[in-house]
Amino acid sequence: MNFLLVSLSITMRAYKYRIYPNAEQKVLLAKHFACIRHVYNWVLAEKEKHYQEIAVV
């Protein structure tokens, strides 16, 4: 069998945007980011707990 190797070139791009939220939007953004931070910290704690369980064995 012959396999064709293809080299894919991936270009990473970043865009920066400046937003100007009003007072209500600022409150909603703060609430959303608080929830995201909570979930991230919970997942990180679960990952660390799992790692500790594996490392003991």
N, C-alpha and C. Protein backbone atom coordinates (compact mmCIF):
# COMPACT_ATOMS: atom_id res chain seq x y z
N MET A 1 0.84 -1.18 0.00
CA MET A 1 0.00 0.00 0.00
C MET A 1 0.88 1.24 0.00
N ASN A 2 0.47 2.19 -0.75
CA ASN A 2 1.16 3.48 -0.77
C ASN A 2 0.33 4.50 -0.03
N PHE A 3 1.00 5.21 0.86
CA PHE A 3 0.31 6.25 1.62
C PHE A 3 0.85 7.60 1.18
N LEU A 4 -0.03 8.51 0.95
CA LEU A 4 0.36 9.85 0.56
C LEU A 4 0.42 10.69 1.83
N LEU A 5 1.60 11.21 2.14
CA LEU A 5 1.76 12.06 3.31
C LEU A 5 1.54 13.50 2.89
N VAL A 6 0.64 14.13 3.55
CA VAL A 6 0.31 15.51 3.22
C VAL A 6 0.70 16.38 4.41
N SER A 7 1.47 17.40 4.12
CA SER A 7 1.86 18.34 5.16
C SER A 7 0.87 19.49 5.16
N LEU A 8 0.19 19.67 6.27
CA LEU A 8 -0.78 20.74 6.38
C LEU A 8 -0.15 21.91 7.13
N SER A 9 -0.25 23.04 6.56
CA SER A 9 0.27 24.24 7.20
C SER A 9 -0.90 24.96 7.86
N ILE A 10 -0.79 25.13 9.16
CA ILE A 10 -1.85 25.78 9.91
C ILE A 10 -1.36 27.15 10.35
N THR A 11 -2.11 28.16 10.02
CA THR A 11 -1.77 29.51 10.42
C THR A 11 -2.66 29.90 11.59
N MET A 12 -2.03 30.26 12.69
CA MET A 12 -2.78 30.70 13.87
C MET A 12 -2.91 32.21 13.81
N ARG A 13 -4.11 32.69 13.99
CA ARG A 13 -4.34 34.13 13.96
C ARG A 13 -5.07 34.53 15.24
N ALA A 14 -4.84 35.73 15.65
CA ALA A 14 -5.53 36.27 16.82
C ALA A 14 -6.09 37.64 16.47
N TYR A 15 -7.25 37.90 16.98
CA TYR A 15 -7.88 39.19 16.78
C TYR A 15 -8.22 39.78 18.14
N LYS A 16 -8.01 41.06 18.27
CA LYS A 16 -8.38 41.76 19.50
C LYS A 16 -9.53 42.70 19.19
N TYR A 17 -10.49 42.68 20.09
CA TYR A 17 -11.64 43.57 19.94
C TYR A 17 -11.83 44.33 21.23
N ARG A 18 -12.17 45.57 21.13
CA ARG A 18 -12.47 46.40 22.30
C ARG A 18 -13.98 46.51 22.37
N ILE A 19 -14.53 46.21 23.52
CA ILE A 19 -15.98 46.33 23.69
C ILE A 19 -16.27 47.40 24.73
N TYR A 20 -17.39 48.01 24.60
CA TYR A 20 -17.83 49.05 25.51
C TYR A 20 -19.22 48.70 26.03
N PRO A 21 -19.27 47.78 27.00
CA PRO A 21 -20.58 47.35 27.50
C PRO A 21 -21.24 48.43 28.36
N ASN A 22 -22.57 48.43 28.31
CA ASN A 22 -23.29 49.36 29.18
C ASN A 22 -23.37 48.73 30.58
N ALA A 23 -24.02 49.40 31.51
CA ALA A 23 -24.06 48.93 32.90
C ALA A 23 -24.70 47.55 33.03
N GLU A 24 -25.80 47.32 32.33
CA GLU A 24 -26.47 46.02 32.41
C GLU A 24 -25.59 44.91 31.82
N GLN A 25 -24.93 45.20 30.72
CA GLN A 25 -24.05 44.21 30.10
C GLN A 25 -22.85 43.90 30.99
N LYS A 26 -22.34 44.91 31.70
CA LYS A 26 -21.22 44.69 32.62
C LYS A 26 -21.61 43.71 33.73
N VAL A 27 -22.83 43.86 34.24
CA VAL A 27 -23.31 42.96 35.28
C VAL A 27 -23.43 41.54 34.74
N LEU A 28 -24.01 41.40 33.55
CA LEU A 28 -24.16 40.07 32.95
C LEU A 28 -22.80 39.43 32.65
N LEU A 29 -21.85 40.21 32.15
CA LEU A 29 -20.52 39.67 31.89
C LEU A 29 -19.86 39.22 33.19
N ALA A 30 -20.00 40.00 34.24
CA ALA A 30 -19.41 39.63 35.53
C ALA A 30 -20.02 38.32 36.04
N LYS A 31 -21.33 38.15 35.89
CA LYS A 31 -21.99 36.92 36.32
C LYS A 31 -21.52 35.72 35.50
N HIS A 32 -21.41 35.90 34.19
CA HIS A 32 -20.98 34.81 33.32
C HIS A 32 -19.54 34.40 33.65
N PHE A 33 -18.66 35.37 33.82
CA PHE A 33 -17.28 35.04 34.11
C PHE A 33 -17.13 34.41 35.50
N ALA A 34 -17.98 34.79 36.44
CA ALA A 34 -17.96 34.15 37.76
C ALA A 34 -18.34 32.68 37.64
N CYS A 35 -19.36 32.38 36.83
CA CYS A 35 -19.76 30.99 36.62
C CYS A 35 -18.67 30.21 35.91
N ILE A 36 -18.07 30.81 34.91
CA ILE A 36 -16.99 30.14 34.18
C ILE A 36 -15.83 29.84 35.11
N ARG A 37 -15.47 30.80 35.95
CA ARG A 37 -14.37 30.61 36.90
C ARG A 37 -14.69 29.48 37.87
N HIS A 38 -15.93 29.42 38.34
CA HIS A 38 -16.34 28.36 39.25
C HIS A 38 -16.22 26.98 38.59
N VAL A 39 -16.73 26.86 37.37
CA VAL A 39 -16.67 25.58 36.66
C VAL A 39 -15.21 25.19 36.39
N TYR A 40 -14.39 26.14 35.96
CA TYR A 40 -12.98 25.85 35.69
C TYR A 40 -12.29 25.34 36.95
N ASN A 41 -12.50 26.02 38.07
CA ASN A 41 -11.87 25.60 39.32
C ASN A 41 -12.36 24.23 39.77
N TRP A 42 -13.65 23.95 39.56
CA TRP A 42 -14.19 22.63 39.92
C TRP A 42 -13.55 21.54 39.08
N VAL A 43 -13.46 21.77 37.76
CA VAL A 43 -12.85 20.78 36.88
C VAL A 43 -11.38 20.58 37.23
N LEU A 44 -10.68 21.66 37.54
CA LEU A 44 -9.28 21.55 37.92
C LEU A 44 -9.13 20.73 39.20
N ALA A 45 -10.00 20.94 40.17
CA ALA A 45 -9.96 20.16 41.42
C ALA A 45 -10.23 18.69 41.15
N GLU A 46 -11.19 18.39 40.28
CA GLU A 46 -11.48 17.00 39.92
C GLU A 46 -10.28 16.35 39.22
N LYS A 47 -9.64 17.10 38.36
CA LYS A 47 -8.47 16.59 37.65
C LYS A 47 -7.34 16.29 38.63
N GLU A 48 -7.10 17.20 39.57
CA GLU A 48 -6.05 16.99 40.57
C GLU A 48 -6.37 15.80 41.47
N LYS A 49 -7.66 15.66 41.85
CA LYS A 49 -8.06 14.53 42.68
C LYS A 49 -7.84 13.21 41.94
N HIS A 50 -8.20 13.18 40.68
CA HIS A 50 -8.01 11.99 39.86
C HIS A 50 -6.52 11.66 39.74
N TYR A 51 -5.70 12.67 39.54
CA TYR A 51 -4.27 12.47 39.42
C TYR A 51 -3.69 11.89 40.72
N GLN A 52 -4.16 12.40 41.86
CA GLN A 52 -3.70 11.90 43.14
C GLN A 52 -4.10 10.44 43.34
N GLU A 53 -5.29 10.07 42.90
CA GLU A 53 -5.74 8.68 43.02
C GLU A 53 -4.89 7.75 42.16
N ILE A 54 -4.54 8.21 40.97
CA ILE A 54 -3.71 7.39 40.08
C ILE A 54 -2.28 7.31 40.60
N ALA A 55 -1.75 8.40 41.11
CA ALA A 55 -0.37 8.45 41.57
C ALA A 55 -0.13 7.54 42.77
N VAL A 56 -1.15 7.29 43.56
CA VAL A 56 -1.02 6.44 44.74
C VAL A 56 -0.78 5.00 44.32
N VAL A 57 -1.40 4.58 43.25
CA VAL A 57 -1.30 3.19 42.79
C VAL A 57 0.03 2.88 42.26
